Structure formats: C-alpha cells, structure tokens
Amino acid sequence: MIQIEQKSYTTQDGNTVIVLTPTGRLDITTAWQFRLKLQECISKLSRHVVVNLGQVNFIDSSGLTSLVAGMRDADKVKGSFRICNVHPEAKLVFEVTMMDTVFEIFETEEEALEGVPRSMAS
C-alpha cells in the first residue's frame, strides 16, 4: 500500500490543480495504485496535476510508467502534468532513463503550481 497525500489548489485564473504526494517506494507493488489515483484525479477532479516526489526515495520502471500514463491522460484532456521536488535518490533514475527530458520537472511545489497557467495560454 502506498500513502498518497492529496491537496487541491486554485490558481489565479480559477483552474483547479491537484497536488499528489506519494510516500515511500513507487515500484511494481505500488505503481498500479498510484496509476489509478492519477486516473481518478484527472477524470473526476482536475486535468491539471502536480506530483510531488519529495517523499519517494525509490522509483523503478513501473513507477516511471505510471507517471508517463498520468502525463498521457492529462494530455488527452488538454491538461498539464508536472513533477516537482524529485528525491535525490530517485533523480538518478530520471536522468539515466532520460525521463528528465520527457516530464516538466520543477524544483519546488510552488514553482510547479505557478507554472500551470502557462499551458492554458496555448
């Protein structure tokens, strides 16, 4: 079981952004739960999602796959999908797999939240 904290923010232009903060390992045993959570948030709550990875000290390919799937879900509904605060242990995995070029990755949650309205301009 993975713990996922969920918060919701409203940006200045009235968009709702869901911030999900999973804790622990995002691996083959927990990635599916996280995937379902992302799906649910994007389909029911908001097409704008920020994933704060500050509490995830381990991520493997299935964890990355769940993030990619979330990004695709958000893209389909013209939303945004951002990652922030990547744990140093997990950062290496993003770099080695070149996933740091696939995702929009921000240092802090605040920066990720501020980044959201930009995608609305297009």
Protein backbone atom coordinates (compact mmCIF):
# COMPACT_ATOMS: atom_id res chain seq x y z
CA MET A 1 0.00 0.00 0.00
CA ILE A 2 1.34 3.43 -0.88
CA GLN A 3 0.32 6.54 1.03
CA ILE A 4 -0.74 9.38 -1.24
CA GLU A 5 -1.48 12.79 0.16
CA GLN A 6 -3.86 14.80 -1.97
CA LYS A 7 -4.32 18.57 -1.94
CA SER A 8 -6.13 20.87 -4.27
CA TYR A 9 -5.25 24.43 -5.22
CA THR A 10 -6.98 27.08 -7.26
CA THR A 11 -4.75 29.18 -9.48
CA GLN A 12 -5.31 32.90 -10.05
CA ASP A 13 -7.21 32.24 -13.25
CA GLY A 14 -9.55 29.83 -11.50
CA ASN A 15 -8.08 26.49 -12.54
CA THR A 16 -8.02 23.70 -10.01
CA VAL A 17 -4.72 21.90 -9.63
CA ILE A 18 -4.43 18.63 -7.75
CA VAL A 19 -1.15 18.02 -5.93
CA LEU A 20 -0.39 14.38 -5.17
CA THR A 21 2.43 13.49 -2.79
CA PRO A 22 3.12 9.76 -2.65
CA THR A 23 5.31 8.47 0.17
CA GLY A 24 7.75 5.56 0.08
CA ARG A 25 8.55 3.41 -2.93
CA LEU A 26 6.98 3.80 -6.33
CA ASP A 27 7.69 0.32 -7.69
CA ILE A 28 5.99 -2.72 -9.16
CA THR A 29 3.95 -3.31 -5.99
CA THR A 30 2.62 0.25 -5.63
CA ALA A 31 2.73 1.80 -9.12
CA TRP A 32 -0.71 0.48 -10.12
CA GLN A 33 -2.33 2.14 -7.10
CA PHE A 34 -0.69 5.41 -7.97
CA ARG A 35 -1.74 4.99 -11.61
CA LEU A 36 -5.37 4.52 -10.55
CA LYS A 37 -5.18 7.56 -8.30
CA LEU A 38 -3.85 9.69 -11.16
CA GLN A 39 -6.55 8.41 -13.49
CA GLU A 40 -9.25 9.17 -10.96
CA CYS A 41 -7.95 12.68 -10.24
CA ILE A 42 -7.63 13.61 -13.91
CA SER A 43 -11.02 12.19 -14.92
CA LYS A 44 -13.02 13.44 -11.92
CA LEU A 45 -11.26 16.36 -10.26
CA SER A 46 -8.92 18.32 -12.47
CA ARG A 47 -6.93 17.94 -15.66
CA HIS A 48 -4.04 19.77 -14.00
CA VAL A 49 -1.87 17.61 -11.79
CA VAL A 50 1.36 18.20 -9.90
CA VAL A 51 3.18 15.16 -8.48
CA ASN A 52 5.48 15.98 -5.58
CA LEU A 53 8.12 13.24 -5.37
CA GLY A 54 9.91 14.60 -2.31
CA GLN A 55 8.84 11.59 -0.22
CA VAL A 56 9.56 8.92 -2.83
CA ASN A 57 13.02 7.54 -2.16
CA PHE A 58 12.79 4.74 -4.72
CA ILE A 59 11.25 4.59 -8.18
CA ASP A 60 11.60 1.86 -10.78
CA SER A 61 10.43 1.40 -14.36
CA SER A 62 6.87 0.58 -13.32
CA GLY A 63 6.81 3.76 -11.24
CA LEU A 64 8.00 5.76 -14.24
CA THR A 65 5.39 4.04 -16.41
CA SER A 66 2.61 5.15 -14.05
CA LEU A 67 3.88 8.74 -14.33
CA VAL A 68 4.02 8.55 -18.13
CA ALA A 69 0.47 7.18 -18.18
CA GLY A 70 -0.67 10.07 -15.98
CA MET A 71 1.00 12.55 -18.30
CA ARG A 72 -0.78 10.98 -21.30
CA ASP A 73 -4.13 11.14 -19.50
CA ALA A 74 -3.60 14.84 -18.79
CA ASP A 75 -2.51 15.48 -22.39
CA LYS A 76 -5.64 13.81 -23.74
CA VAL A 77 -7.83 16.28 -21.89
CA LYS A 78 -5.53 19.24 -22.69
CA GLY A 79 -4.38 19.43 -19.09
CA SER A 80 -0.95 19.74 -17.56
CA PHE A 81 1.20 17.24 -15.72
CA ARG A 82 4.14 18.41 -13.67
CA ILE A 83 6.58 16.79 -11.35
CA CYS A 84 8.37 18.61 -8.57
CA ASN A 85 10.77 18.11 -5.71
CA VAL A 86 12.29 14.87 -7.01
CA HIS A 87 14.03 13.00 -4.19
CA PRO A 88 17.83 12.82 -4.79
CA GLU A 89 17.74 9.00 -4.78
CA ALA A 90 15.02 8.98 -7.44
CA LYS A 91 16.54 11.77 -9.52
CA LEU A 92 19.23 9.44 -10.81
CA VAL A 93 16.59 7.11 -12.29
CA PHE A 94 15.03 10.04 -14.18
CA GLU A 95 18.43 11.07 -15.54
CA VAL A 96 19.59 7.59 -16.53
CA THR A 97 16.32 6.84 -18.36
CA MET A 98 16.25 10.34 -19.92
CA MET A 99 12.84 10.82 -18.33
CA ASP A 100 14.02 14.17 -17.01
CA THR A 101 13.62 15.40 -20.62
CA VAL A 102 10.13 13.90 -21.02
CA PHE A 103 8.48 15.46 -17.98
CA GLU A 104 8.16 19.04 -16.89
CA ILE A 105 10.15 18.91 -13.66
CA PHE A 106 10.23 21.77 -11.16
CA GLU A 107 12.38 22.22 -8.07
CA THR A 108 9.53 23.14 -5.73
CA GLU A 109 5.78 22.67 -5.47
CA GLU A 110 5.34 26.45 -5.59
CA GLU A 111 7.18 26.69 -8.92
CA ALA A 112 5.18 23.79 -10.35
CA LEU A 113 1.91 25.44 -9.30
CA GLU A 114 2.94 28.78 -10.76
CA GLY A 115 3.82 27.01 -13.98
CA VAL A 116 0.32 25.69 -14.53
CA PRO A 117 -1.48 28.67 -16.11
CA ARG A 118 1.19 28.91 -18.83
CA SER A 119 -0.17 25.82 -20.55
CA MET A 120 -3.59 27.46 -20.67
CA ALA A 121 -2.33 30.23 -22.92
CA SER A 122 -1.92 27.96 -25.91
